[in-house]
């Protein structure tokens, strides 16, 4: 952060240097007609006074300016710290602590925003729900710390497999929800299969042993957005996910709403 104390000190120093000049002018106004002879006489007569004014006053002003500048810097630092704290609190309120993705509450907000945007501009919209296959059994076998590691890795793979405009969040437990704005149904299927492939080919190191993890993906391409809300969005992608799991897991089930 930029420091202001030296600037405040410099301003105070300049003001201090102006003190003897101002004093002479003030005395000259009191004395009557202005002349250089009077100034020379005034300085000789009150040399100690003007020496103090020339050296002592700027020094005192500079010290005061430095002291005031310290509090100015402190004020701006506290304001910057407060802004940073507010930003951190805002991020914590919308992010999932484990995966770093949007949390359940905020992903619902994003769904509503993207539905409204797609409806307003008549753009296509798709969404998918992803469930890590047999994660509970995996968690019970290897422990929750290993399960947390897998969820973090899975979240990273999902995040790296989608487009920049896509929005991903942890819906809950081992379920993830992805919003695909401006995505036609066929393009959304490409993204879903890419996610499935990237996860299936990734090796997870569990107790120094490589392991594979798969996921079931339910994809829904929305057609009519007239009465669609976040609850309807989730219901459709969740139904597609349930069908994918019922068909044997580790697969993509895509449903078009057209």
Protein backbone atom coordinates (compact mmCIF):
# COMPACT_ATOMS: atom_id res chain seq x y z
CA UNK A 1 0.00 0.00 0.00
CA UNK A 2 1.22 3.54 -0.78
CA UNK A 3 2.67 5.40 2.22
CA UNK A 4 1.53 8.97 2.85
CA UNK A 5 3.58 9.86 5.91
CA UNK A 6 6.55 11.19 3.94
CA UNK A 7 4.28 13.33 1.76
CA UNK A 8 2.53 14.77 4.80
CA UNK A 9 5.91 15.44 6.39
CA UNK A 10 7.12 17.21 3.23
CA UNK A 11 4.02 19.43 3.12
CA UNK A 12 4.46 20.27 6.80
CA UNK A 13 8.15 21.06 6.19
CA UNK A 14 7.26 23.49 3.39
CA UNK A 15 4.69 25.15 5.63
CA UNK A 16 7.32 25.40 8.36
CA UNK A 17 9.77 27.06 5.98
CA UNK A 18 7.12 29.63 5.17
CA UNK A 19 6.80 30.64 8.83
CA UNK A 20 9.78 33.08 8.97
CA UNK A 21 8.76 34.66 5.67
CA UNK A 22 5.23 35.11 6.91
CA UNK A 23 6.49 36.54 10.19
CA UNK A 24 8.62 39.18 8.42
CA UNK A 25 5.71 40.20 6.18
CA UNK A 26 3.40 40.46 9.15
CA UNK A 27 5.93 42.58 11.05
CA UNK A 28 6.41 44.73 7.96
CA UNK A 29 2.70 45.46 7.77
CA UNK A 30 2.75 46.55 11.39
CA UNK A 31 5.85 48.70 10.97
CA UNK A 32 4.50 50.79 8.12
CA UNK A 33 6.07 51.48 4.70
CA UNK A 34 7.90 48.44 3.35
CA UNK A 35 11.66 48.66 2.59
CA UNK A 36 14.61 46.33 2.28
CA UNK A 37 16.52 48.42 4.79
CA UNK A 38 13.82 47.74 7.35
CA UNK A 39 14.02 44.00 6.62
CA UNK A 40 17.80 43.99 7.15
CA UNK A 41 17.39 45.89 10.38
CA UNK A 42 14.60 43.57 11.53
CA UNK A 43 16.64 40.43 10.87
CA UNK A 44 19.77 41.84 12.59
CA UNK A 45 17.78 42.97 15.57
CA UNK A 46 15.84 39.69 16.00
CA UNK A 47 18.40 37.29 14.55
CA UNK A 48 17.86 34.64 17.24
CA UNK A 49 14.11 34.75 16.70
CA UNK A 50 14.38 34.36 12.92
CA UNK A 51 17.04 31.65 13.24
CA UNK A 52 14.64 29.69 15.39
CA UNK A 53 11.86 30.33 12.90
CA UNK A 54 14.07 29.23 9.98
CA UNK A 55 15.31 26.00 11.56
CA UNK A 56 13.18 25.13 14.56
CA UNK A 57 9.75 25.71 13.06
CA UNK A 58 10.31 23.55 9.93
CA UNK A 59 11.74 20.82 12.17
CA UNK A 60 8.74 20.91 14.49
CA UNK A 61 6.32 21.03 11.55
CA UNK A 62 8.13 18.11 9.89
CA UNK A 63 7.92 16.02 13.06
CA UNK A 64 4.26 16.84 13.42
CA UNK A 65 3.69 15.99 9.73
CA UNK A 66 5.47 12.66 10.15
CA UNK A 67 3.36 11.90 13.21
CA UNK A 68 0.13 12.88 11.40
CA UNK A 69 1.21 10.93 8.33
CA UNK A 70 1.64 7.83 10.46
CA UNK A 71 -2.03 8.03 11.46
CA UNK A 72 -3.05 8.68 7.85
CA UNK A 73 -1.18 5.53 6.78
CA UNK A 74 -2.77 3.61 9.63
CA UNK A 75 -6.23 4.79 8.60
CA UNK A 76 -5.77 3.67 4.98
CA UNK A 77 -4.21 0.37 6.09
CA UNK A 78 -7.17 -0.35 8.36
CA UNK A 79 -9.55 0.50 5.53
CA UNK A 80 -7.67 -1.83 3.17
CA UNK A 81 -7.68 -4.60 5.79
CA UNK A 82 -11.42 -4.12 6.30
CA UNK A 83 -12.07 -4.32 2.56
CA UNK A 84 -9.97 -7.48 2.36
CA UNK A 85 -11.84 -8.99 5.30
CA UNK A 86 -15.19 -8.17 3.69
CA UNK A 87 -14.00 -9.80 0.47
CA UNK A 88 -12.88 -12.92 2.34
CA UNK A 89 -16.17 -13.13 4.21
CA UNK A 90 -18.07 -12.76 0.94
CA UNK A 91 -16.02 -15.54 -0.66
CA UNK A 92 -16.51 -17.78 2.37
CA UNK A 93 -20.26 -17.24 2.20
CA UNK A 94 -20.47 -18.51 -1.38
CA UNK A 95 -17.63 -21.05 -1.62
CA UNK A 96 -17.45 -24.65 -0.48
CA UNK A 97 -14.59 -25.00 2.01
CA UNK A 98 -13.47 -28.44 0.85
CA UNK A 99 -13.50 -28.12 -2.93
CA UNK A 100 -13.24 -24.38 -3.52
CA UNK A 101 -16.30 -24.49 -5.78
CA UNK A 102 -19.56 -22.66 -5.23
CA UNK A 103 -21.55 -24.02 -2.30
CA UNK A 104 -25.12 -25.33 -2.36
CA UNK A 105 -26.72 -21.99 -1.51
CA UNK A 106 -24.86 -19.95 -4.10
CA UNK A 107 -25.24 -22.42 -6.96
CA UNK A 108 -29.02 -22.00 -6.57
CA UNK A 109 -28.55 -18.25 -6.99
CA UNK A 110 -26.50 -18.85 -10.14
CA UNK A 111 -29.19 -21.15 -11.55
CA UNK A 112 -31.83 -18.45 -11.16
CA UNK A 113 -29.56 -15.88 -12.81
CA UNK A 114 -28.76 -18.10 -15.79
CA UNK A 115 -32.39 -19.10 -16.28
CA UNK A 116 -33.41 -15.44 -16.39
CA UNK A 117 -30.56 -14.57 -18.76
CA UNK A 118 -31.35 -17.47 -21.10
CA UNK A 119 -35.04 -16.55 -21.07
CA UNK A 120 -34.37 -12.87 -21.75
CA UNK A 121 -31.97 -13.39 -24.66
CA UNK A 122 -33.54 -16.66 -25.88
CA UNK A 123 -30.26 -18.55 -25.48
CA UNK A 124 -30.01 -22.32 -24.99
CA UNK A 125 -29.39 -23.65 -21.49
CA UNK A 126 -28.32 -27.04 -20.17
CA UNK A 127 -27.37 -28.45 -16.82
CA UNK A 128 -25.89 -31.60 -15.35
CA UNK A 129 -25.78 -33.35 -12.01
CA UNK A 130 -22.76 -35.56 -11.28
CA UNK A 131 -22.50 -38.21 -8.60
CA UNK A 132 -19.24 -39.99 -7.70
CA UNK A 133 -19.96 -43.71 -8.00
CA UNK A 134 -19.91 -45.76 -4.77
CA UNK A 135 -18.35 -42.91 -2.84
CA UNK A 136 -19.93 -43.90 0.48
CA UNK A 137 -18.40 -47.37 0.26
CA UNK A 138 -15.09 -45.82 -0.70
CA UNK A 139 -15.32 -43.42 2.25
CA UNK A 140 -16.14 -46.23 4.67
CA UNK A 141 -13.23 -48.32 3.44
CA UNK A 142 -10.46 -45.72 3.29
CA UNK A 143 -11.64 -43.05 5.75
CA UNK A 144 -12.96 -39.53 5.51
CA UNK A 145 -9.56 -37.88 5.01
CA UNK A 146 -8.97 -39.97 1.89
CA UNK A 147 -12.55 -39.24 0.84
CA UNK A 148 -11.91 -35.51 1.18
CA UNK A 149 -8.78 -35.87 -0.97
CA UNK A 150 -10.79 -37.64 -3.67
CA UNK A 151 -13.50 -34.98 -3.62
CA UNK A 152 -10.93 -32.20 -4.00
CA UNK A 153 -9.30 -34.00 -6.92
CA UNK A 154 -12.65 -34.76 -8.53
CA UNK A 155 -13.73 -31.12 -8.18
CA UNK A 156 -10.50 -30.00 -9.85
CA UNK A 157 -11.00 -32.41 -12.75
CA UNK A 158 -14.57 -31.23 -13.27
CA UNK A 159 -13.54 -27.59 -13.12
CA UNK A 160 -10.77 -28.12 -15.67
CA UNK A 161 -13.08 -30.02 -18.03
CA UNK A 162 -15.73 -27.34 -18.52
CA UNK A 163 -15.76 -24.07 -20.42
CA UNK A 164 -14.93 -20.76 -18.80
CA UNK A 165 -18.53 -19.60 -18.98
CA UNK A 166 -19.84 -22.77 -17.32
CA UNK A 167 -20.65 -22.61 -13.62
CA UNK A 168 -19.92 -25.44 -11.21
CA UNK A 169 -20.79 -25.99 -7.58
CA UNK A 170 -20.83 -28.72 -4.97
CA UNK A 171 -24.49 -29.52 -4.52
CA UNK A 172 -23.92 -31.70 -1.49
CA UNK A 173 -21.81 -34.66 -0.35
CA UNK A 174 -20.37 -36.26 -3.48
CA UNK A 175 -22.80 -34.57 -5.88
CA UNK A 176 -21.82 -31.70 -8.16
CA UNK A 177 -24.00 -29.46 -10.29
CA UNK A 178 -22.89 -27.72 -13.47
CA UNK A 179 -24.76 -25.00 -15.34
CA UNK A 180 -23.98 -24.72 -19.06
CA UNK A 181 -25.14 -21.31 -20.34
CA UNK A 182 -25.53 -20.78 -24.08
CA UNK A 183 -24.93 -24.47 -24.66
CA UNK A 184 -26.88 -26.38 -27.28
CA UNK A 185 -27.81 -29.95 -26.34
CA UNK A 186 -25.17 -31.62 -28.56
CA UNK A 187 -22.44 -29.32 -27.25
CA UNK A 188 -23.50 -30.03 -23.67
CA UNK A 189 -23.15 -33.78 -24.35
CA UNK A 190 -19.58 -33.20 -25.54
CA UNK A 191 -18.77 -31.49 -22.25
CA UNK A 192 -20.40 -34.28 -20.22
CA UNK A 193 -18.48 -37.03 -22.02
CA UNK A 194 -15.25 -35.07 -21.64
CA UNK A 195 -15.81 -34.89 -17.88
CA UNK A 196 -16.51 -38.64 -17.75
CA UNK A 197 -13.40 -39.45 -19.77
CA UNK A 198 -11.08 -37.14 -17.82
CA UNK A 199 -12.24 -38.62 -14.52
CA UNK A 200 -12.07 -42.23 -15.67
CA UNK A 201 -8.48 -41.84 -16.90
CA UNK A 202 -7.23 -40.02 -13.80
CA UNK A 203 -5.21 -41.99 -11.23
CA UNK A 204 -5.89 -41.26 -7.56
CA UNK A 205 -3.10 -42.14 -5.15
CA UNK A 206 -4.71 -43.83 -2.15
CA UNK A 207 -2.22 -45.10 0.42
CA UNK A 208 0.49 -44.95 -2.29
CA UNK A 209 -1.58 -47.10 -4.61
CA UNK A 210 -3.13 -45.80 -7.85
CA UNK A 211 -6.90 -46.12 -7.99
CA UNK A 212 -9.65 -45.22 -10.42
CA UNK A 213 -12.83 -43.29 -9.65
CA UNK A 214 -15.88 -43.04 -11.89
CA UNK A 215 -19.01 -40.90 -11.88
CA UNK A 216 -22.54 -40.96 -13.20
CA UNK A 217 -23.73 -37.89 -15.06
CA UNK A 218 -27.26 -36.77 -15.69
CA UNK A 219 -27.56 -34.10 -18.39
CA UNK A 220 -30.69 -32.17 -19.31
CA UNK A 221 -31.03 -29.70 -22.17
CA UNK A 222 -33.79 -27.21 -21.46
CA UNK A 223 -36.15 -26.16 -24.20
CA UNK A 224 -39.07 -24.14 -22.89
CA UNK A 225 -37.86 -21.77 -20.18
CA UNK A 226 -41.16 -19.94 -19.69
CA UNK A 227 -42.01 -21.26 -16.23
CA UNK A 228 -38.64 -22.74 -15.30
CA UNK A 229 -37.24 -22.05 -11.82
CA UNK A 230 -34.24 -23.33 -9.89
CA UNK A 231 -36.27 -26.14 -8.33
CA UNK A 232 -37.42 -27.32 -11.75
CA UNK A 233 -33.87 -27.10 -13.08
CA UNK A 234 -32.56 -29.30 -10.27
CA UNK A 235 -35.45 -31.75 -10.58
CA UNK A 236 -34.73 -32.35 -14.28
CA UNK A 237 -30.98 -32.88 -13.94
CA UNK A 238 -31.49 -35.01 -10.83
CA UNK A 239 -33.94 -37.30 -12.65
CA UNK A 240 -31.43 -37.70 -15.46
CA UNK A 241 -28.76 -38.61 -12.90
CA UNK A 242 -30.97 -41.22 -11.24
CA UNK A 243 -31.55 -42.86 -14.63
CA UNK A 244 -27.79 -42.87 -15.32
CA UNK A 245 -27.11 -44.61 -12.00
CA UNK A 246 -29.93 -47.10 -12.57
CA UNK A 247 -28.38 -48.10 -15.91
CA UNK A 248 -25.13 -49.15 -14.28
CA UNK A 249 -23.21 -46.02 -13.31
CA UNK A 250 -20.06 -44.63 -14.97
CA UNK A 251 -22.14 -43.26 -17.79
CA UNK A 252 -23.72 -40.14 -19.20
CA UNK A 253 -27.48 -40.02 -19.61
CA UNK A 254 -28.57 -37.04 -21.66
CA UNK A 255 -32.18 -35.91 -21.92
CA UNK A 256 -33.43 -33.18 -24.24
CA UNK A 257 -36.32 -31.04 -23.12
CA UNK A 258 -37.18 -29.89 -26.66
